[in-house]
Amino acid sequence: MPDTKRGRERKGRKKRMQRREYEIERELEARHRDLDFDELYEDAEIELEL
């Protein structure tokens, strides 16, 4: 089956939509992920030089 301009455009549009949906989903997941910094650095010793 020959390659057509219409087919390439439709495929490109579909890929853009998929990429956009993936990026939106990733951003939403990042928003829901709450980091508790106290818990995250509970065992770490940090020395501050003043």
PDB file of N, CA and C in Angstrom:
ATOM      1  N   MET A   1       0.855  -1.171   0.000  1.00  0.00           N
ATOM      2  CA  MET A   1       0.000   0.000   0.000  1.00  0.00           C
ATOM      3  C   MET A   1       0.904   1.237   0.000  1.00  0.00           C
ATOM      4  N   PRO A   2       0.651   2.164  -0.898  1.00  0.00           N
ATOM      5  CA  PRO A   2       1.515   3.340  -1.001  1.00  0.00           C
ATOM      6  C   PRO A   2       1.369   4.289   0.190  1.00  0.00           C
ATOM      7  N   ASP A   3       2.448   5.006   0.457  1.00  0.00           N
ATOM      8  CA  ASP A   3       2.463   6.000   1.526  1.00  0.00           C
ATOM      9  C   ASP A   3       1.754   7.250   1.003  1.00  0.00           C
ATOM     10  N   THR A   4       0.795   7.754   1.755  1.00  0.00           N
ATOM     11  CA  THR A   4       0.060   8.938   1.322  1.00  0.00           C
ATOM     12  C   THR A   4       0.281  10.087   2.301  1.00  0.00           C
ATOM     13  N   LYS A   5       0.163  11.283   1.796  1.00  0.00           N
ATOM     14  CA  LYS A   5       0.327  12.457   2.647  1.00  0.00           C
ATOM     15  C   LYS A   5      -0.718  12.461   3.753  1.00  0.00           C
ATOM     16  N   ARG A   6      -1.941  12.116   3.406  1.00  0.00           N
ATOM     17  CA  ARG A   6      -3.019  12.093   4.398  1.00  0.00           C
ATOM     18  C   ARG A   6      -2.708  11.098   5.504  1.00  0.00           C
ATOM     19  N   GLY A   7      -2.188   9.943   5.149  1.00  0.00           N
ATOM     20  CA  GLY A   7      -1.839   8.926   6.143  1.00  0.00           C
ATOM     21  C   GLY A   7      -0.731   9.399   7.063  1.00  0.00           C
ATOM     22  N   ARG A   8       0.282  10.057   6.515  1.00  0.00           N
ATOM     23  CA  ARG A   8       1.382  10.576   7.335  1.00  0.00           C
ATOM     24  C   ARG A   8       0.886  11.654   8.286  1.00  0.00           C
ATOM     25  N   GLU A   9      -0.014  12.524   7.795  1.00  0.00           N
ATOM     26  CA  GLU A   9      -0.557  13.586   8.645  1.00  0.00           C
ATOM     27  C   GLU A   9      -1.383  13.005   9.785  1.00  0.00           C
ATOM     28  N   ARG A  10      -2.188  12.001   9.492  1.00  0.00           N
ATOM     29  CA  ARG A  10      -3.013  11.381  10.525  1.00  0.00           C
ATOM     30  C   ARG A  10      -2.150  10.682  11.559  1.00  0.00           C
ATOM     31  N   LYS A  11      -1.100  10.007  11.106  1.00  0.00           N
ATOM     32  CA  LYS A  11      -0.199   9.320  12.023  1.00  0.00           C
ATOM     33  C   LYS A  11       0.518  10.335  12.914  1.00  0.00           C
ATOM     34  N   GLY A  12       0.978  11.431  12.331  1.00  0.00           N
ATOM     35  CA  GLY A  12       1.652  12.469  13.110  1.00  0.00           C
ATOM     36  C   GLY A  12       0.729  13.098  14.134  1.00  0.00           C
ATOM     37  N   ARG A  13      -0.513  13.323  13.749  1.00  0.00           N
ATOM     38  CA  ARG A  13      -1.504  13.906  14.664  1.00  0.00           C
ATOM     39  C   ARG A  13      -1.757  12.954  15.831  1.00  0.00           C
ATOM     40  N   LYS A  14      -1.855  11.664  15.531  1.00  0.00           N
ATOM     41  CA  LYS A  14      -2.090  10.676  16.576  1.00  0.00           C
ATOM     42  C   LYS A  14      -0.910  10.626  17.543  1.00  0.00           C
ATOM     43  N   LYS A  15       0.302  10.675  17.015  1.00  0.00           N
ATOM     44  CA  LYS A  15       1.494  10.646  17.870  1.00  0.00           C
ATOM     45  C   LYS A  15       1.551  11.884  18.762  1.00  0.00           C
ATOM     46  N   ARG A  16       1.211  13.043  18.218  1.00  0.00           N
ATOM     47  CA  ARG A  16       1.202  14.268  19.022  1.00  0.00           C
ATOM     48  C   ARG A  16       0.181  14.175  20.145  1.00  0.00           C
ATOM     49  N   MET A  17      -0.989  13.636  19.840  1.00  0.00           N
ATOM     50  CA  MET A  17      -2.038  13.480  20.852  1.00  0.00           C
ATOM     51  C   MET A  17      -1.578  12.520  21.952  1.00  0.00           C
ATOM     52  N   GLN A  18      -0.945  11.405  21.552  1.00  0.00           N
ATOM     53  CA  GLN A  18      -0.458  10.438  22.529  1.00  0.00           C
ATOM     54  C   GLN A  18       0.604  11.068  23.431  1.00  0.00           C
ATOM     55  N   ARG A  19       1.517  11.822  22.833  1.00  0.00           N
ATOM     56  CA  ARG A  19       2.579  12.459  23.607  1.00  0.00           C
ATOM     57  C   ARG A  19       1.992  13.479  24.569  1.00  0.00           C
ATOM     58  N   ARG A  20       0.998  14.238  24.118  1.00  0.00           N
ATOM     59  CA  ARG A  20       0.363  15.241  24.976  1.00  0.00           C
ATOM     60  C   ARG A  20      -0.366  14.579  26.140  1.00  0.00           C
ATOM     61  N   GLU A  21      -1.099  13.505  25.873  1.00  0.00           N
ATOM     62  CA  GLU A  21      -1.798  12.782  26.932  1.00  0.00           C
ATOM     63  C   GLU A  21      -0.804  12.233  27.948  1.00  0.00           C
ATOM     64  N   TYR A  22       0.337  11.705  27.473  1.00  0.00           N
ATOM     65  CA  TYR A  22       1.361  11.172  28.361  1.00  0.00           C
ATOM     66  C   TYR A  22       1.922  12.277  29.249  1.00  0.00           C
ATOM     67  N   GLU A  23       2.205  13.444  28.683  1.00  0.00           N
ATOM     68  CA  GLU A  23       2.753  14.557  29.446  1.00  0.00           C
ATOM     69  C   GLU A  23       1.763  15.063  30.492  1.00  0.00           C
ATOM     70  N   ILE A  24       0.488  15.145  30.130  1.00  0.00           N
ATOM     71  CA  ILE A  24      -0.546  15.581  31.071  1.00  0.00           C
ATOM     72  C   ILE A  24      -0.657  14.583  32.221  1.00  0.00           C
ATOM     73  N   GLU A  25      -0.672  13.304  31.900  1.00  0.00           N
ATOM     74  CA  GLU A  25      -0.766  12.271  32.928  1.00  0.00           C
ATOM     75  C   GLU A  25       0.437  12.340  33.870  1.00  0.00           C
ATOM     76  N   ARG A  26       1.621  12.558  33.315  1.00  0.00           N
ATOM     77  CA  ARG A  26       2.833  12.651  34.129  1.00  0.00           C
ATOM     78  C   ARG A  26       2.774  13.850  35.078  1.00  0.00           C
ATOM     79  N   GLU A  27       2.282  14.971  34.592  1.00  0.00           N
ATOM     80  CA  GLU A  27       2.163  16.166  35.433  1.00  0.00           C
ATOM     81  C   GLU A  27       1.154  15.952  36.558  1.00  0.00           C
ATOM     82  N   LEU A  28       0.042  15.312  36.248  1.00  0.00           N
ATOM     83  CA  LEU A  28      -0.975  15.054  37.271  1.00  0.00           C
ATOM     84  C   LEU A  28      -0.442  14.115  38.348  1.00  0.00           C
ATOM     85  N   GLU A  29       0.318  13.101  37.940  1.00  0.00           N
ATOM     86  CA  GLU A  29       0.906  12.184  38.909  1.00  0.00           C
ATOM     87  C   GLU A  29       1.903  12.916  39.791  1.00  0.00           C
ATOM     88  N   ALA A  30       2.664  13.828  39.220  1.00  0.00           N
ATOM     89  CA  ALA A  30       3.651  14.585  39.990  1.00  0.00           C
ATOM     90  C   ALA A  30       2.961  15.472  41.017  1.00  0.00           C
ATOM     91  N   ARG A  31       1.821  16.016  40.695  1.00  0.00           N
ATOM     92  CA  ARG A  31       1.078  16.855  41.636  1.00  0.00           C
ATOM     93  C   ARG A  31       0.597  16.051  42.833  1.00  0.00           C
ATOM     94  N   HIS A  32       0.192  14.803  42.584  1.00  0.00           N
ATOM     95  CA  HIS A  32      -0.369  13.974  43.643  1.00  0.00           C
ATOM     96  C   HIS A  32       0.714  13.375  44.536  1.00  0.00           C
ATOM     97  N   ARG A  33       1.932  13.393  44.063  1.00  0.00           N
ATOM     98  CA  ARG A  33       3.022  12.812  44.832  1.00  0.00           C
ATOM     99  C   ARG A  33       3.518  13.854  45.837  1.00  0.00           C
ATOM    100  N   ASP A  34       3.186  13.645  47.079  1.00  0.00           N
ATOM    101  CA  ASP A  34       3.605  14.556  48.140  1.00  0.00           C
ATOM    102  C   ASP A  34       4.879  14.020  48.773  1.00  0.00           C
ATOM    103  N   LEU A  35       5.905  14.840  48.809  1.00  0.00           N
ATOM    104  CA  LEU A  35       7.149  14.443  49.445  1.00  0.00           C
ATOM    105  C   LEU A  35       7.179  14.989  50.866  1.00  0.00           C
ATOM    106  N   ASP A  36       7.407  14.111  51.792  1.00  0.00           N
ATOM    107  CA  ASP A  36       7.571  14.512  53.182  1.00  0.00           C
ATOM    108  C   ASP A  36       9.073  14.630  53.419  1.00  0.00           C
ATOM    109  N   PHE A  37       9.585  15.854  53.415  1.00  0.00           N
ATOM    110  CA  PHE A  37      11.017  16.061  53.498  1.00  0.00           C
ATOM    111  C   PHE A  37      11.588  15.618  54.844  1.00  0.00           C
ATOM    112  N   ASP A  38      10.808  15.735  55.901  1.00  0.00           N
ATOM    113  CA  ASP A  38      11.283  15.251  57.195  1.00  0.00           C
ATOM    114  C   ASP A  38      11.524  13.748  57.142  1.00  0.00           C
ATOM    115  N   GLU A  39      10.615  13.039  56.529  1.00  0.00           N
ATOM    116  CA  GLU A  39      10.755  11.597  56.412  1.00  0.00           C
ATOM    117  C   GLU A  39      11.855  11.237  55.414  1.00  0.00           C
ATOM    118  N   LEU A  40      11.962  12.009  54.376  1.00  0.00           N
ATOM    119  CA  LEU A  40      12.933  11.731  53.332  1.00  0.00           C
ATOM    120  C   LEU A  40      14.367  11.847  53.853  1.00  0.00           C
ATOM    121  N   TYR A  41      14.620  12.861  54.665  1.00  0.00           N
ATOM    122  CA  TYR A  41      15.963  13.100  55.172  1.00  0.00           C
ATOM    123  C   TYR A  41      16.096  12.745  56.653  1.00  0.00           C
ATOM    124  N   GLU A  42      15.276  11.836  57.129  1.00  0.00           N
ATOM    125  CA  GLU A  42      15.249  11.463  58.533  1.00  0.00           C
ATOM    126  C   GLU A  42      16.599  10.905  59.000  1.00  0.00           C
ATOM    127  N   ASP A  43      17.209  10.051  58.213  1.00  0.00           N
ATOM    128  CA  ASP A  43      18.457   9.392  58.601  1.00  0.00           C
ATOM    129  C   ASP A  43      19.703  10.132  58.122  1.00  0.00           C
ATOM    130  N   ALA A  44      19.549  11.195  57.397  1.00  0.00           N
ATOM    131  CA  ALA A  44      20.695  11.921  56.866  1.00  0.00           C
ATOM    132  C   ALA A  44      21.188  12.950  57.864  1.00  0.00           C
ATOM    133  N   GLU A  45      22.502  12.990  57.998  1.00  0.00           N
ATOM    134  CA  GLU A  45      23.099  14.013  58.849  1.00  0.00           C
ATOM    135  C   GLU A  45      23.655  15.110  57.961  1.00  0.00           C
ATOM    136  N   ILE A  46      23.241  16.324  58.231  1.00  0.00           N
ATOM    137  CA  ILE A  46      23.655  17.445  57.408  1.00  0.00           C
ATOM    138  C   ILE A  46      24.454  18.411  58.285  1.00  0.00           C
ATOM    139  N   GLU A  47      25.648  18.727  57.808  1.00  0.00           N
ATOM    140  CA  GLU A  47      26.478  19.674  58.534  1.00  0.00           C
ATOM    141  C   GLU A  47      26.418  21.017  57.824  1.00  0.00           C
ATOM    142  N   LEU A  48      26.106  22.040  58.590  1.00  0.00           N
ATOM    143  CA  LEU A  48      26.054  23.387  58.037  1.00  0.00           C
ATOM    144  C   LEU A  48      27.242  24.179  58.548  1.00  0.00           C
ATOM    145  N   GLU A  49      27.948  24.782  57.610  1.00  0.00           N
ATOM    146  CA  GLU A  49      29.069  25.619  57.992  1.00  0.00           C
ATOM    147  C   GLU A  49      28.595  27.060  58.029  1.00  0.00           C
ATOM    148  N   LEU A  50      28.732  27.682  59.184  1.00  0.00           N
ATOM    149  CA  LEU A  50      28.299  29.056  59.336  1.00  0.00           C
ATOM    150  C   LEU A  50      29.470  29.987  59.473  1.00  0.00           C
TER     151      LEU A  50
END
